N, C-alpha and C. Protein backbone atom coordinates (compact mmCIF):
# COMPACT_ATOMS: atom_id res chain seq x y z
N MET A 1 -26.85 13.27 6.07
CA MET A 1 -25.18 12.10 6.86
C MET A 1 -24.64 13.55 7.10
N SER A 2 -23.73 13.26 8.31
CA SER A 2 -23.34 14.32 8.97
C SER A 2 -22.26 14.77 8.14
N MET A 3 -21.35 16.09 8.47
CA MET A 3 -20.43 15.87 7.79
C MET A 3 -19.16 15.22 8.58
N ARG A 4 -19.02 14.90 9.45
CA ARG A 4 -17.93 13.84 9.86
C ARG A 4 -18.26 12.13 9.49
N LYS A 5 -19.22 11.61 8.54
CA LYS A 5 -19.68 10.89 8.01
C LYS A 5 -18.98 11.02 6.78
N VAL A 6 -19.22 12.13 6.38
CA VAL A 6 -18.87 12.21 4.85
C VAL A 6 -17.34 12.41 4.51
N LEU A 7 -16.51 13.36 5.76
CA LEU A 7 -15.38 12.96 5.68
C LEU A 7 -14.37 12.01 5.81
N GLY A 8 -15.43 11.05 7.03
CA GLY A 8 -14.62 10.11 7.21
C GLY A 8 -14.89 9.03 6.02
N SER A 9 -15.99 9.06 5.08
CA SER A 9 -16.04 8.10 4.05
C SER A 9 -15.33 8.55 3.06
N ILE A 10 -14.76 9.57 2.87
CA ILE A 10 -13.54 10.41 2.19
C ILE A 10 -12.14 9.69 2.21
N LEU A 11 -11.82 9.84 3.19
CA LEU A 11 -10.64 9.31 3.83
C LEU A 11 -10.48 8.05 3.75
N PHE A 12 -11.33 7.68 4.37
CA PHE A 12 -11.70 5.41 4.32
C PHE A 12 -11.47 5.13 3.07
N PHE A 13 -11.81 5.95 2.32
CA PHE A 13 -12.55 5.05 0.60
C PHE A 13 -11.03 5.61 0.12
N GLY A 14 -10.72 6.97 0.35
CA GLY A 14 -9.86 7.65 -0.41
C GLY A 14 -8.32 7.39 -0.14
N SER A 15 -7.91 6.64 0.99
CA SER A 15 -6.95 5.89 1.35
C SER A 15 -6.25 4.87 0.17
N TRP A 16 -7.79 4.38 -0.32
CA TRP A 16 -6.98 3.06 -1.16
C TRP A 16 -6.61 3.47 -2.67
N LEU A 17 -7.06 5.19 -2.54
CA LEU A 17 -6.66 5.49 -4.52
C LEU A 17 -4.91 5.70 -4.16
N VAL A 18 -4.45 5.77 -2.85
CA VAL A 18 -2.93 5.59 -3.34
C VAL A 18 -2.30 4.61 -3.75
N TYR A 19 -2.87 3.82 -3.35
CA TYR A 19 -2.09 2.03 -3.98
C TYR A 19 -1.77 2.19 -5.71
N ALA A 20 -2.48 3.11 -6.46
CA ALA A 20 -3.13 3.55 -7.38
C ALA A 20 -1.65 4.41 -8.22
N LEU A 21 -1.10 5.05 -7.22
CA LEU A 21 0.16 6.03 -7.14
C LEU A 21 1.13 5.68 -6.89
N LEU A 22 1.31 3.98 -6.03
CA LEU A 22 2.03 3.85 -6.40
C LEU A 22 2.43 2.79 -7.24
N ILE A 23 1.65 2.20 -7.84
CA ILE A 23 1.80 1.75 -8.81
C ILE A 23 2.99 2.50 -10.23
N PHE A 24 2.22 3.73 -9.91
CA PHE A 24 2.56 4.85 -10.91
C PHE A 24 4.44 5.07 -10.38
N ILE A 25 4.80 5.39 -9.56
CA ILE A 25 6.00 5.42 -8.68
C ILE A 25 6.79 4.37 -8.98
N ALA A 26 6.59 3.42 -8.74
CA ALA A 26 7.29 2.20 -9.27
C ALA A 26 7.63 1.92 -10.63
N ALA A 27 6.74 2.22 -11.36
CA ALA A 27 6.95 2.21 -12.94
C ALA A 27 7.64 3.18 -13.43
N ASP A 28 7.77 4.16 -12.83
CA ASP A 28 8.38 5.60 -13.14
C ASP A 28 10.06 5.35 -13.30
N ALA A 29 10.51 5.27 -14.29
CA ALA A 29 12.24 5.34 -14.70
C ALA A 29 13.25 6.41 -13.92
N GLU A 30 12.46 7.64 -13.59
CA GLU A 30 13.34 9.19 -13.29
C GLU A 30 13.69 8.73 -12.58
N TRP A 31 13.11 8.66 -11.45
CA TRP A 31 13.71 8.36 -9.79
C TRP A 31 14.23 6.93 -9.59
N THR A 32 15.26 7.30 -8.54
CA THR A 32 16.18 6.48 -8.26
C THR A 32 15.58 5.80 -7.50
N THR A 33 16.06 4.51 -7.24
CA THR A 33 15.31 2.93 -6.06
C THR A 33 15.41 3.53 -5.08
N ALA A 34 15.94 4.85 -4.10
CA ALA A 34 15.70 5.42 -3.06
C ALA A 34 14.76 6.58 -3.06
N GLU A 35 14.94 6.90 -4.05
CA GLU A 35 13.77 8.14 -3.95
C GLU A 35 12.39 7.18 -4.00
N LYS A 36 12.15 6.47 -4.77
CA LYS A 36 10.54 5.09 -5.30
C LYS A 36 10.85 4.65 -3.77
N PHE A 37 11.70 4.43 -3.18
CA PHE A 37 11.52 3.58 -1.84
C PHE A 37 11.05 4.69 -0.88
N GLY A 38 11.45 5.75 -0.93
CA GLY A 38 11.28 6.97 -0.21
C GLY A 38 10.16 7.46 0.21
N ILE A 39 9.23 7.45 -1.60
CA ILE A 39 8.16 7.92 -1.48
C ILE A 39 7.40 7.07 -1.17
N GLY A 40 7.10 6.18 -1.80
CA GLY A 40 6.39 5.12 -1.27
C GLY A 40 6.25 4.52 -0.22
N ALA A 41 7.51 5.00 1.04
CA ALA A 41 7.31 4.22 1.81
C ALA A 41 5.93 5.61 2.55
N ALA A 42 6.65 6.65 2.61
CA ALA A 42 5.51 7.92 2.59
C ALA A 42 4.32 7.85 3.10
N LEU A 43 3.95 7.69 1.32
CA LEU A 43 2.25 7.81 0.74
C LEU A 43 1.50 6.18 1.72
N TYR A 44 2.93 5.07 1.80
CA TYR A 44 1.77 3.99 2.38
C TYR A 44 1.67 4.49 3.80
N GLY A 45 2.15 5.72 4.39
CA GLY A 45 1.95 5.49 6.06
C GLY A 45 0.69 6.70 5.77
N VAL A 46 0.69 7.91 4.68
CA VAL A 46 -0.31 8.16 4.49
C VAL A 46 -1.56 7.67 4.30
N SER A 47 -1.62 6.89 3.65
CA SER A 47 -2.43 5.61 3.21
C SER A 47 -3.10 5.47 4.32
N TRP A 48 -2.37 4.49 5.51
CA TRP A 48 -3.37 3.94 7.23
C TRP A 48 -3.38 4.99 7.81
N ILE A 49 -2.58 6.33 7.84
CA ILE A 49 -2.71 7.51 8.57
C ILE A 49 -4.32 7.64 8.27
N THR A 50 -4.92 7.74 6.71
CA THR A 50 -6.19 8.35 6.25
C THR A 50 -7.32 7.25 6.75
N PHE A 51 -6.82 5.86 6.25
CA PHE A 51 -7.55 5.20 6.64
C PHE A 51 -7.59 5.06 8.27
N VAL A 52 -6.93 4.98 8.86
CA VAL A 52 -7.61 5.10 10.12
C VAL A 52 -8.35 6.37 10.91
N ALA A 53 -8.15 6.97 10.63
CA ALA A 53 -8.88 8.81 10.28
C ALA A 53 -10.06 8.39 10.15
N GLY A 54 -10.27 7.50 8.74
CA GLY A 54 -12.12 7.89 8.45
C GLY A 54 -12.68 6.68 9.31
N SER A 55 -11.80 5.51 9.63
CA SER A 55 -12.21 4.56 10.39
C SER A 55 -12.78 5.30 11.75
N ILE A 56 -12.42 6.25 12.45
CA ILE A 56 -12.51 6.83 13.61
C ILE A 56 -13.77 7.58 13.43
N LEU A 57 -13.41 8.92 12.00
CA LEU A 57 -14.38 9.51 11.82
C LEU A 57 -15.97 8.55 11.71
N LEU A 58 -16.13 7.34 10.74
CA LEU A 58 -17.26 6.62 10.59
C LEU A 58 -17.73 6.10 12.12
N GLY A 59 -16.52 6.22 13.12
CA GLY A 59 -17.44 5.15 13.82
C GLY A 59 -17.53 4.02 14.32
N PRO A 60 -17.71 3.29 15.46
CA PRO A 60 -17.54 2.03 15.74
C PRO A 60 -18.86 1.47 15.02
N ASP A 61 -20.18 1.71 14.70
CA ASP A 61 -20.64 1.04 14.03
C ASP A 61 -20.62 0.36 12.60
N PHE A 62 -20.21 1.39 11.83
CA PHE A 62 -19.61 1.09 10.59
C PHE A 62 -17.67 -0.06 11.13
N ILE A 63 -17.87 0.19 11.68
CA ILE A 63 -16.10 -1.02 12.12
C ILE A 63 -16.94 -1.94 12.81
N GLU A 64 -17.97 -2.22 13.15
CA GLU A 64 -18.76 -3.54 13.13
C GLU A 64 -19.60 -4.12 12.01
N LYS A 65 -19.82 -3.51 11.33
CA LYS A 65 -20.03 -3.42 9.63
C LYS A 65 -19.28 -4.18 9.00
N ILE A 66 -17.75 -3.89 8.52
CA ILE A 66 -16.98 -4.40 8.32
C ILE A 66 -16.55 -5.06 8.75
N LYS A 67 -16.12 -5.25 10.24
CA LYS A 67 -15.90 -6.97 10.35
C LYS A 67 -16.40 -8.16 10.06
N LEU A 68 -17.77 -7.86 10.38
CA LEU A 68 -19.02 -8.56 10.07
C LEU A 68 -19.17 -9.08 8.12
N MET A 69 -18.57 -7.88 7.31
CA MET A 69 -18.02 -8.47 5.98
C MET A 69 -17.11 -9.56 6.12
N ILE A 70 -16.05 -9.24 7.20
CA ILE A 70 -14.28 -9.38 6.44
C ILE A 70 -14.81 -11.36 7.23
N LYS A 71 -15.51 -11.43 8.92
CA LYS A 71 -15.17 -12.69 9.38
C LYS A 71 -16.31 -13.42 8.65
N PRO A 72 -15.81 -14.97 8.45
CA PRO A 72 -16.50 -15.72 7.96
C PRO A 72 -18.00 -16.23 8.50
N LYS A 73 -18.52 -16.38 8.16
CA LYS A 73 -19.45 -16.76 8.91
C LYS A 73 -19.96 -18.34 9.11
N ASN A 74 -20.56 -18.44 10.54
CA ASN A 74 -20.05 -20.49 11.07
C ASN A 74 -21.48 -21.23 10.42
N LYS A 75 -21.03 -22.16 8.76
CA LYS A 75 -21.48 -22.93 8.91
C LYS A 75 -22.13 -23.99 10.16
N LYS A 76 -23.66 -24.30 9.99
CA LYS A 76 -24.15 -25.28 11.49
C LYS A 76 -24.13 -26.49 10.78
């Protein structure tokens, strides 16, 4: 596996780990609502950026595999 695919996989699947951190931030009572919103919005943006970057690095063949898994199969 090439370094590009490894980095792409780390970015793609690592982008989902941000959501656990978002839950922690939302439950933490130390921060104000504005701070929680700002940090949450920044993390959400970082998550999407890493998701897209990972998808690009993994290439179009990976994107097609994901599309096939998401798209329901037509039953005849």
